[in-house]
Protein backbone atom coordinates (compact mmCIF):
# COMPACT_ATOMS: atom_id res chain seq x y z
CA MET A 1 -32.96 -20.15 5.88
CA ALA A 2 -34.49 -17.08 4.29
CA GLN A 3 -34.68 -13.82 6.20
CA TYR A 4 -37.88 -11.84 6.54
CA GLY A 5 -38.40 -8.21 7.39
CA LYS A 6 -40.64 -5.18 7.08
CA PHE A 7 -40.24 -1.44 7.12
CA ILE A 8 -41.32 0.32 10.30
CA HIS A 9 -41.07 4.13 10.07
CA GLY A 10 -38.76 3.71 7.07
CA ILE A 11 -36.31 1.42 8.87
CA LEU A 12 -35.93 -2.24 7.94
CA GLN A 13 -36.81 -4.46 10.89
CA TYR A 14 -35.94 -8.14 10.67
CA ALA A 15 -38.54 -10.69 11.74
CA PRO A 16 -38.20 -11.80 15.36
CA ASN A 17 -37.74 -15.41 16.47
CA LYS A 18 -40.72 -15.00 18.81
CA ILE A 19 -44.10 -13.48 17.92
CA THR A 20 -47.41 -13.14 19.71
CA ILE A 21 -50.67 -13.90 17.92
CA GLU A 22 -53.99 -13.83 19.80
CA ASP A 23 -52.34 -14.16 23.24
CA SER A 24 -50.21 -17.08 22.03
CA VAL A 25 -46.45 -16.89 21.96
CA ILE A 26 -44.95 -18.60 18.94
CA TYR A 27 -41.25 -19.41 18.75
CA ASN A 28 -39.67 -19.82 15.30
CA PRO A 29 -42.82 -18.72 13.46
CA LYS A 30 -43.74 -20.18 10.08
CA VAL A 31 -43.57 -18.14 6.89
CA GLU A 32 -47.37 -17.80 6.79
CA GLU A 33 -47.41 -16.38 10.34
CA LEU A 34 -44.74 -13.83 9.48
CA GLN A 35 -46.53 -12.83 6.29
CA ALA A 36 -49.77 -12.34 8.26
CA LEU A 37 -47.86 -9.77 10.34
CA GLY A 38 -46.62 -7.95 7.20
CA TYR A 39 -43.13 -9.45 6.97
CA LYS A 40 -41.73 -10.11 3.50
CA ILE A 41 -38.86 -12.26 2.30
CA ILE A 42 -35.59 -10.34 1.90
CA LEU A 43 -33.82 -11.07 -1.38
CA GLN A 44 -30.31 -9.97 -2.26
CA GLY A 45 -29.47 -8.21 -5.50
CA GLU A 46 -26.19 -8.60 -7.32
CA MET A 47 -23.11 -7.26 -5.57
CA PRO A 48 -21.08 -4.97 -7.87
CA ALA A 49 -17.41 -5.69 -8.51
CA TYR A 50 -14.95 -3.85 -6.31
CA GLN A 51 -13.39 -0.72 -7.78
CA GLN A 52 -10.64 1.21 -6.07
CA GLY A 53 -11.78 4.66 -5.00
CA TYR A 54 -15.40 3.54 -4.54
CA HIS A 55 -17.42 2.04 -1.70
CA ILE A 56 -20.57 -0.07 -1.72
CA VAL A 57 -23.84 1.46 -0.54
CA THR A 58 -26.81 -0.73 0.36
CA TYR A 59 -30.35 0.37 -0.43
CA TYR A 60 -33.69 -1.43 -0.43
CA THR A 61 -36.61 -1.65 -2.80
CA GLU A 62 -39.95 -3.09 -1.78
CA THR A 63 -42.28 -5.06 -4.01
CA THR A 64 -45.66 -6.57 -3.24
CA ASN A 65 -44.15 -9.82 -1.95
CA SER A 66 -40.53 -9.05 -1.12
CA ILE A 67 -37.86 -6.60 -0.07
CA VAL A 68 -34.77 -6.53 -2.28
CA GLU A 69 -31.41 -5.56 -0.83
CA ASN A 70 -29.59 -3.75 -3.65
CA TYR A 71 -26.05 -2.44 -3.90
CA ARG A 72 -24.42 0.40 -5.81
CA LEU A 73 -20.94 1.88 -6.00
CA GLU A 74 -20.34 5.45 -4.88
CA LYS A 75 -17.14 7.38 -5.33
CA ASP A 76 -15.15 7.85 -2.14
CA SER A 77 -15.06 11.44 -1.00
CA GLU A 78 -11.76 13.19 -0.57
CA PRO A 79 -10.66 13.08 3.06
CA GLU A 80 -11.10 16.40 4.75
CA GLU A 81 -7.98 17.99 6.16
CA ASN A 82 -7.98 17.56 9.89
CA PRO A 83 -7.42 20.94 11.61
CA ASP A 84 -5.64 19.13 14.45
CA ASP A 85 -3.06 17.74 11.99
CA LEU A 86 -2.44 21.20 10.54
CA PHE A 87 -2.03 22.62 14.05
CA LEU A 88 0.45 19.87 15.00
CA GLU A 89 2.49 20.51 11.83
CA MET A 90 2.65 24.23 12.61
CA LEU A 91 3.60 23.52 16.22
CA ALA A 92 6.41 21.14 15.16
CA ASP A 93 7.70 23.72 12.67
CA HIS A 94 7.78 26.45 15.33
CA GLU A 95 9.44 24.15 17.84
CA GLU A 96 12.16 23.28 15.33
CA ARG A 97 12.77 26.97 14.60
CA ILE A 98 13.03 27.76 18.33
CA CYS A 99 15.50 24.90 18.83
CA LEU A 100 17.69 26.19 16.01
CA ILE A 101 17.66 29.70 17.45
CA GLU A 102 18.47 28.44 20.97
CA LEU A 103 21.33 26.32 19.63
CA GLY A 104 22.73 29.31 17.78
CA GLY A 105 21.80 28.19 14.33
CA LEU A 106 22.38 30.53 11.47
CA GLU A 107 19.53 32.81 10.39
CA GLU A 108 19.51 31.27 6.89
CA ASP A 109 19.11 27.81 8.53
CA VAL A 110 15.97 29.07 10.30
CA ASP A 111 14.60 30.66 7.13
CA SER A 112 15.12 27.47 5.13
CA ILE A 113 12.73 25.55 7.36
């Protein structure tokens, strides 16, 4: 079954299974009833082929009679270095140096770390 939706404040809202028209509650409304409330059929565009290093972004275009769900590839961003990871690496390095000193390691052993 086709999906219907409309944009409300720029956000796609899918058609509900229950609508109210003139004080009447209608379950599983017909296409004509949804269209009378401004809902349009949602069509799907072509999905691009997967490419490593990219992710798929969904965007919508609206025509007079439909909303088209489109897709495009966008390059993945480089992961940002997590400051917590850097801190943990530094902490481990200092702990190893302290252990070597406490165990009587040679100074050149400490400097090589």
